[in-house]
PDB file of N, CA and C in Angstrom:
ATOM      1  N   MET A   1     116.992 -70.143  -4.453  1.00  0.00           N
ATOM      2  CA  MET A   1     115.633 -70.842  -4.527  1.00  0.00           C
ATOM      3  C   MET A   1     115.849 -72.340  -4.182  1.00  0.00           C
ATOM      4  N   THR A   2     115.102 -72.672  -3.472  1.00  0.00           N
ATOM      5  CA  THR A   2     115.338 -74.238  -3.048  1.00  0.00           C
ATOM      6  C   THR A   2     114.731 -75.197  -4.028  1.00  0.00           C
ATOM      7  N   THR A   3     114.976 -76.401  -3.983  1.00  0.00           N
ATOM      8  CA  THR A   3     114.514 -77.296  -4.922  1.00  0.00           C
ATOM      9  C   THR A   3     112.976 -77.646  -4.762  1.00  0.00           C
ATOM     10  N   SER A   4     112.498 -77.472  -3.668  1.00  0.00           N
ATOM     11  CA  SER A   4     110.960 -77.644  -3.242  1.00  0.00           C
ATOM     12  C   SER A   4     110.242 -76.376  -4.030  1.00  0.00           C
ATOM     13  N   ALA A   5     110.822 -75.252  -3.905  1.00  0.00           N
ATOM     14  CA  ALA A   5     110.289 -74.089  -4.412  1.00  0.00           C
ATOM     15  C   ALA A   5     110.136 -74.133  -5.943  1.00  0.00           C
ATOM     16  N   LYS A   6     111.261 -74.533  -6.593  1.00  0.00           N
ATOM     17  CA  LYS A   6     111.350 -74.772  -7.904  1.00  0.00           C
ATOM     18  C   LYS A   6     110.217 -75.846  -8.480  1.00  0.00           C
ATOM     19  N   THR A   7     110.046 -76.940  -7.837  1.00  0.00           N
ATOM     20  CA  THR A   7     109.220 -77.984  -8.044  1.00  0.00           C
ATOM     21  C   THR A   7     107.834 -77.459  -8.173  1.00  0.00           C
ATOM     22  N   LYS A   8     107.285 -76.605  -7.143  1.00  0.00           N
ATOM     23  CA  LYS A   8     106.004 -76.087  -6.990  1.00  0.00           C
ATOM     24  C   LYS A   8     105.689 -75.200  -8.304  1.00  0.00           C
ATOM     25  N   ASN A   9     106.656 -74.561  -8.812  1.00  0.00           N
ATOM     26  CA  ASN A   9     106.492 -73.584  -9.914  1.00  0.00           C
ATOM     27  C   ASN A   9     106.363 -74.361 -11.348  1.00  0.00           C
ATOM     28  N   GLN A  10     106.746 -75.615 -11.275  1.00  0.00           N
ATOM     29  CA  GLN A  10     106.647 -76.445 -12.461  1.00  0.00           C
ATOM     30  C   GLN A  10     105.232 -76.901 -12.798  1.00  0.00           C
ATOM     31  N   PRO A  11     104.819 -76.954 -13.878  1.00  0.00           N
ATOM     32  CA  PRO A  11     103.412 -77.628 -14.272  1.00  0.00           C
ATOM     33  C   PRO A  11     103.331 -79.123 -13.925  1.00  0.00           C
ATOM     34  N   THR A  12     102.150 -79.645 -13.517  1.00  0.00           N
ATOM     35  CA  THR A  12     102.077 -80.990 -13.207  1.00  0.00           C
ATOM     36  C   THR A  12     101.350 -81.713 -14.321  1.00  0.00           C
ATOM     37  N   HIS A  13     100.682 -80.863 -15.202  1.00  0.00           N
ATOM     38  CA  HIS A  13      99.941 -81.502 -16.357  1.00  0.00           C
ATOM     39  C   HIS A  13     100.211 -80.791 -17.736  1.00  0.00           C
ATOM     40  N   ALA A  14     100.099 -81.493 -18.744  1.00  0.00           N
ATOM     41  CA  ALA A  14     100.297 -80.813 -20.125  1.00  0.00           C
ATOM     42  C   ALA A  14      99.025 -80.798 -20.999  1.00  0.00           C
ATOM     43  N   LEU A  15      98.645 -79.895 -21.602  1.00  0.00           N
ATOM     44  CA  LEU A  15      97.525 -79.727 -22.539  1.00  0.00           C
ATOM     45  C   LEU A  15      97.948 -80.027 -23.848  1.00  0.00           C
ATOM     46  N   PHE A  16      97.042 -80.836 -24.505  1.00  0.00           N
ATOM     47  CA  PHE A  16      97.230 -81.223 -25.918  1.00  0.00           C
ATOM     48  C   PHE A  16      96.070 -80.949 -26.739  1.00  0.00           C
ATOM     49  N   HIS A  17      96.326 -80.436 -27.991  1.00  0.00           N
ATOM     50  CA  HIS A  17      95.237 -80.495 -28.950  1.00  0.00           C
ATOM     51  C   HIS A  17      95.366 -81.553 -29.821  1.00  0.00           C
ATOM     52  N   VAL A  18      94.089 -82.341 -29.848  1.00  0.00           N
ATOM     53  CA  VAL A  18      94.036 -83.722 -30.544  1.00  0.00           C
ATOM     54  C   VAL A  18      93.124 -83.600 -31.623  1.00  0.00           C
ATOM     55  N   THR A  19      93.573 -84.064 -32.772  1.00  0.00           N
ATOM     56  CA  THR A  19      92.738 -83.971 -34.037  1.00  0.00           C
ATOM     57  C   THR A  19      92.882 -85.417 -34.786  1.00  0.00           C
ATOM     58  N   GLY A  20      91.883 -85.667 -35.529  1.00  0.00           N
ATOM     59  CA  GLY A  20      91.904 -86.977 -36.236  1.00  0.00           C
ATOM     60  C   GLY A  20      91.328 -88.138 -35.120  1.00  0.00           C
ATOM     61  N   GLY A  21      91.746 -89.218 -35.476  1.00  0.00           N
ATOM     62  CA  GLY A  21      91.345 -90.423 -34.767  1.00  0.00           C
ATOM     63  C   GLY A  21      90.346 -91.386 -35.726  1.00  0.00           C
ATOM     64  N   LYS A  22      89.840 -92.447 -34.818  1.00  0.00           N
ATOM     65  CA  LYS A  22      88.930 -93.529 -35.536  1.00  0.00           C
ATOM     66  C   LYS A  22      89.756 -94.153 -36.681  1.00  0.00           C
ATOM     67  N   ASP A  23      89.437 -93.669 -37.894  1.00  0.00           N
ATOM     68  CA  ASP A  23      90.062 -94.170 -39.105  1.00  0.00           C
ATOM     69  C   ASP A  23      91.575 -93.839 -39.225  1.00  0.00           C
ATOM     70  N   ASP A  24      91.747 -92.727 -39.005  1.00  0.00           N
ATOM     71  CA  ASP A  24      93.279 -92.139 -39.262  1.00  0.00           C
ATOM     72  C   ASP A  24      93.805 -92.043 -37.881  1.00  0.00           C
ATOM     73  N   LYS A  25      95.285 -92.058 -37.790  1.00  0.00           N
ATOM     74  CA  LYS A  25      95.829 -91.892 -36.416  1.00  0.00           C
ATOM     75  C   LYS A  25      95.709 -90.446 -35.892  1.00  0.00           C
ATOM     76  N   ALA A  26      95.306 -90.407 -34.594  1.00  0.00           N
ATOM     77  CA  ALA A  26      95.134 -89.103 -34.018  1.00  0.00           C
ATOM     78  C   ALA A  26      96.527 -88.260 -34.061  1.00  0.00           C
ATOM     79  N   HIS A  27      96.502 -86.872 -34.165  1.00  0.00           N
ATOM     80  CA  HIS A  27      97.662 -86.122 -34.098  1.00  0.00           C
ATOM     81  C   HIS A  27      97.593 -85.216 -32.786  1.00  0.00           C
ATOM     82  N   TRP A  28      98.501 -85.358 -32.059  1.00  0.00           N
ATOM     83  CA  TRP A  28      98.577 -84.638 -30.793  1.00  0.00           C
ATOM     84  C   TRP A  28      99.683 -83.416 -30.919  1.00  0.00           C
ATOM     85  N   THR A  29      99.088 -82.316 -30.298  1.00  0.00           N
ATOM     86  CA  THR A  29     100.034 -80.999 -30.357  1.00  0.00           C
ATOM     87  C   THR A  29     100.024 -80.426 -28.984  1.00  0.00           C
ATOM     88  N   ARG A  30     101.124 -80.307 -28.318  1.00  0.00           N
ATOM     89  CA  ARG A  30     101.229 -79.685 -26.987  1.00  0.00           C
ATOM     90  C   ARG A  30     100.792 -78.274 -27.228  1.00  0.00           C
ATOM     91  N   ILE A  31      99.900 -77.765 -26.450  1.00  0.00           N
ATOM     92  CA  ILE A  31      99.527 -76.367 -26.478  1.00  0.00           C
ATOM     93  C   ILE A  31      99.532 -75.571 -25.116  1.00  0.00           C
ATOM     94  N   GLY A  32      99.874 -76.324 -24.075  1.00  0.00           N
ATOM     95  CA  GLY A  32      99.943 -75.499 -22.889  1.00  0.00           C
ATOM     96  C   GLY A  32     100.202 -76.431 -21.679  1.00  0.00           C
ATOM     97  N   ALA A  33     100.077 -75.845 -20.484  1.00  0.00           N
ATOM     98  CA  ALA A  33     100.453 -76.593 -19.153  1.00  0.00           C
ATOM     99  C   ALA A  33      99.343 -76.101 -18.121  1.00  0.00           C
ATOM    100  N   ALA A  34      99.303 -76.974 -17.124  1.00  0.00           N
ATOM    101  CA  ALA A  34      98.320 -76.680 -15.942  1.00  0.00           C
ATOM    102  C   ALA A  34      99.041 -77.003 -14.676  1.00  0.00           C
ATOM    103  N   TRP A  35      98.550 -76.223 -13.700  1.00  0.00           N
ATOM    104  CA  TRP A  35      99.011 -76.466 -12.371  1.00  0.00           C
ATOM    105  C   TRP A  35      97.915 -76.456 -11.408  1.00  0.00           C
ATOM    106  N   PRO A  36      97.924 -77.435 -10.402  1.00  0.00           N
ATOM    107  CA  PRO A  36      96.694 -77.538  -9.495  1.00  0.00           C
ATOM    108  C   PRO A  36      96.691 -76.301  -8.493  1.00  0.00           C
ATOM    109  N   HIS A  37      95.438 -76.011  -8.117  1.00  0.00           N
ATOM    110  CA  HIS A  37      95.242 -75.031  -7.108  1.00  0.00           C
ATOM    111  C   HIS A  37      95.562 -75.601  -5.926  1.00  0.00           C
ATOM    112  N   LYS A  38      95.966 -74.829  -4.739  1.00  0.00           N
ATOM    113  CA  LYS A  38      96.442 -75.230  -3.499  1.00  0.00           C
ATOM    114  C   LYS A  38      95.353 -76.025  -2.854  1.00  0.00           C
ATOM    115  N   ASP A  39      94.043 -75.652  -3.241  1.00  0.00           N
ATOM    116  CA  ASP A  39      92.940 -76.338  -2.315  1.00  0.00           C
ATOM    117  C   ASP A  39      92.659 -77.620  -2.996  1.00  0.00           C
ATOM    118  N   GLY A  40      93.325 -78.108  -4.129  1.00  0.00           N
ATOM    119  CA  GLY A  40      93.134 -79.299  -4.883  1.00  0.00           C
ATOM    120  C   GLY A  40      91.747 -79.217  -5.680  1.00  0.00           C
ATOM    121  N   LYS A  41      91.001 -78.070  -5.839  1.00  0.00           N
ATOM    122  CA  LYS A  41      89.649 -78.148  -6.390  1.00  0.00           C
ATOM    123  C   LYS A  41      89.682 -77.517  -7.814  1.00  0.00           C
ATOM    124  N   GLY A  42      90.836 -77.403  -8.535  1.00  0.00           N
ATOM    125  CA  GLY A  42      90.882 -76.924  -9.853  1.00  0.00           C
ATOM    126  C   GLY A  42      92.277 -76.736 -10.345  1.00  0.00           C
ATOM    127  N   PHE A  43      92.436 -76.239 -11.382  1.00  0.00           N
ATOM    128  CA  PHE A  43      93.701 -76.089 -12.026  1.00  0.00           C
ATOM    129  C   PHE A  43      93.869 -74.552 -12.714  1.00  0.00           C
ATOM    130  N   SER A  44      94.984 -74.048 -12.848  1.00  0.00           N
ATOM    131  CA  SER A  44      95.395 -72.898 -13.528  1.00  0.00           C
ATOM    132  C   SER A  44      95.967 -73.292 -14.867  1.00  0.00           C
ATOM    133  N   LEU A  45      95.426 -72.706 -15.950  1.00  0.00           N
ATOM    134  CA  LEU A  45      95.906 -73.209 -17.297  1.00  0.00           C
ATOM    135  C   LEU A  45      96.687 -72.084 -17.787  1.00  0.00           C
ATOM    136  N   SER A  46      97.792 -72.505 -18.567  1.00  0.00           N
ATOM    137  CA  SER A  46      98.486 -71.473 -19.362  1.00  0.00           C
ATOM    138  C   SER A  46      98.466 -72.085 -20.933  1.00  0.00           C
ATOM    139  N   LEU A  47      97.829 -71.409 -21.767  1.00  0.00           N
ATOM    140  CA  LEU A  47      97.659 -71.891 -23.248  1.00  0.00           C
ATOM    141  C   LEU A  47      98.600 -71.114 -24.121  1.00  0.00           C
ATOM    142  N   ASP A  48      99.170 -71.812 -25.048  1.00  0.00           N
ATOM    143  CA  ASP A  48     100.015 -71.098 -25.984  1.00  0.00           C
ATOM    144  C   ASP A  48      99.284 -71.154 -27.302  1.00  0.00           C
ATOM    145  N   LEU A  49      98.207 -71.764 -27.379  1.00  0.00           N
ATOM    146  CA  LEU A  49      97.336 -71.924 -28.468  1.00  0.00           C
ATOM    147  C   LEU A  49      95.931 -72.337 -28.013  1.00  0.00           C
ATOM    148  N   LEU A  50      94.891 -71.716 -28.647  1.00  0.00           N
ATOM    149  CA  LEU A  50      93.566 -71.969 -28.252  1.00  0.00           C
ATOM    150  C   LEU A  50      92.780 -72.555 -29.786  1.00  0.00           C
ATOM    151  N   PRO A  51      92.719 -73.906 -29.818  1.00  0.00           N
ATOM    152  CA  PRO A  51      92.235 -74.497 -31.056  1.00  0.00           C
ATOM    153  C   PRO A  51      90.731 -74.189 -31.253  1.00  0.00           C
ATOM    154  N   CYS A  52      90.309 -74.196 -32.465  1.00  0.00           N
ATOM    155  CA  CYS A  52      88.801 -73.982 -32.798  1.00  0.00           C
ATOM    156  C   CYS A  52      88.111 -75.209 -33.046  1.00  0.00           C
ATOM    157  N   ASP A  53      88.942 -76.445 -33.414  1.00  0.00           N
ATOM    158  CA  ASP A  53      88.266 -77.629 -33.659  1.00  0.00           C
ATOM    159  C   ASP A  53      89.239 -78.719 -32.772  1.00  0.00           C
ATOM    160  N   GLY A  54      88.548 -79.948 -33.029  1.00  0.00           N
ATOM    161  CA  GLY A  54      89.327 -81.081 -32.310  1.00  0.00           C
ATOM    162  C   GLY A  54      89.123 -81.026 -30.881  1.00  0.00           C
ATOM    163  N   ARG A  55      89.786 -81.768 -30.030  1.00  0.00           N
ATOM    164  CA  ARG A  55      89.536 -81.594 -28.540  1.00  0.00           C
ATOM    165  C   ARG A  55      90.816 -81.259 -27.848  1.00  0.00           C
ATOM    166  N   ILE A  56      90.621 -80.888 -26.485  1.00  0.00           N
ATOM    167  CA  ILE A  56      91.828 -80.570 -25.662  1.00  0.00           C
ATOM    168  C   ILE A  56      91.851 -81.657 -24.479  1.00  0.00           C
ATOM    169  N   THR A  57      93.040 -82.232 -24.480  1.00  0.00           N
ATOM    170  CA  THR A  57      93.243 -83.406 -23.498  1.00  0.00           C
ATOM    171  C   THR A  57      94.286 -82.926 -22.418  1.00  0.00           C
ATOM    172  N   LEU A  58      93.992 -83.101 -21.177  1.00  0.00           N
ATOM    173  CA  LEU A  58      94.808 -82.943 -20.088  1.00  0.00           C
ATOM    174  C   LEU A  58      95.612 -84.227 -19.622  1.00  0.00           C
ATOM    175  N   ARG A  59      96.819 -84.203 -19.553  1.00  0.00           N
ATOM    176  CA  ARG A  59      97.582 -85.368 -19.228  1.00  0.00           C
ATOM    177  C   ARG A  59      98.752 -84.963 -18.165  1.00  0.00           C
ATOM    178  N   VAL A  60      98.767 -85.972 -17.203  1.00  0.00           N
ATOM    179  CA  VAL A  60      99.694 -85.714 -16.159  1.00  0.00           C
ATOM    180  C   VAL A  60     101.225 -85.884 -16.606  1.00  0.00           C
ATOM    181  N   ILE A  61     102.215 -84.869 -16.389  1.00  0.00           N
ATOM    182  CA  ILE A  61     103.610 -84.910 -16.768  1.00  0.00           C
ATOM    183  C   ILE A  61     104.205 -86.057 -15.718  1.00  0.00           C
ATOM    184  N   ASP A  62     104.731 -87.100 -16.450  1.00  0.00           N
ATOM    185  CA  ASP A  62     105.453 -88.166 -15.662  1.00  0.00           C
ATOM    186  C   ASP A  62     106.908 -88.012 -15.814  1.00  0.00           C
ATOM    187  N   ASN A  63     107.687 -88.202 -14.746  1.00  0.00           N
ATOM    188  CA  ASN A  63     109.136 -88.332 -14.836  1.00  0.00           C
ATOM    189  C   ASN A  63     109.889 -86.994 -15.536  1.00  0.00           C
ATOM    190  N   GLY A  64     109.230 -85.894 -15.424  1.00  0.00           N
ATOM    191  CA  GLY A  64     109.681 -84.720 -16.171  1.00  0.00           C
ATOM    192  C   GLY A  64     109.582 -84.748 -17.722  1.00  0.00           C
ATOM    193  N   ASN A  65     108.969 -85.606 -18.056  1.00  0.00           N
ATOM    194  CA  ASN A  65     108.769 -85.737 -19.702  1.00  0.00           C
ATOM    195  C   ASN A  65     107.251 -85.262 -19.909  1.00  0.00           C
ATOM    196  N   ASP A  66     107.214 -84.043 -20.446  1.00  0.00           N
ATOM    197  CA  ASP A  66     106.016 -83.370 -20.791  1.00  0.00           C
ATOM    198  C   ASP A  66     105.402 -83.795 -22.251  1.00  0.00           C
ATOM    199  N   ASN A  67     106.255 -84.620 -22.905  1.00  0.00           N
ATOM    200  CA  ASN A  67     105.805 -84.990 -24.145  1.00  0.00           C
ATOM    201  C   ASN A  67     105.104 -86.463 -24.094  1.00  0.00           C
ATOM    202  N   ASN A  68     104.203 -86.510 -23.308  1.00  0.00           N
ATOM    203  CA  ASN A  68     103.588 -87.833 -22.974  1.00  0.00           C
ATOM    204  C   ASN A  68     102.286 -88.065 -23.742  1.00  0.00           C
ATOM    205  N   ALA A  69     102.082 -87.523 -25.013  1.00  0.00           N
ATOM    206  CA  ALA A  69     100.982 -87.850 -25.865  1.00  0.00           C
ATOM    207  C   ALA A  69     100.964 -89.096 -26.273  1.00  0.00           C
ATOM    208  N   GLN A  70      99.703 -89.543 -26.415  1.00  0.00           N
ATOM    209  CA  GLN A  70      99.312 -91.028 -26.851  1.00  0.00           C
ATOM    210  C   GLN A  70      99.655 -91.306 -28.214  1.00  0.00           C
TER     211      GLN A  70
END
């Protein structure tokens, strides 16, 4: 497998479940990954967890570091 083929299979975005905020510090938990569609009009998501509360935030993975929660 070539390097370019490996790169295409890696996710470009990470999904995080975010709870708390405002008065207390927000807690970020990585819950999945996302890959852009070839046409650039959407994403495919892979979730390890589907939260019932809080919010889901999608962040770009930069420099191979997928732990880029705020």
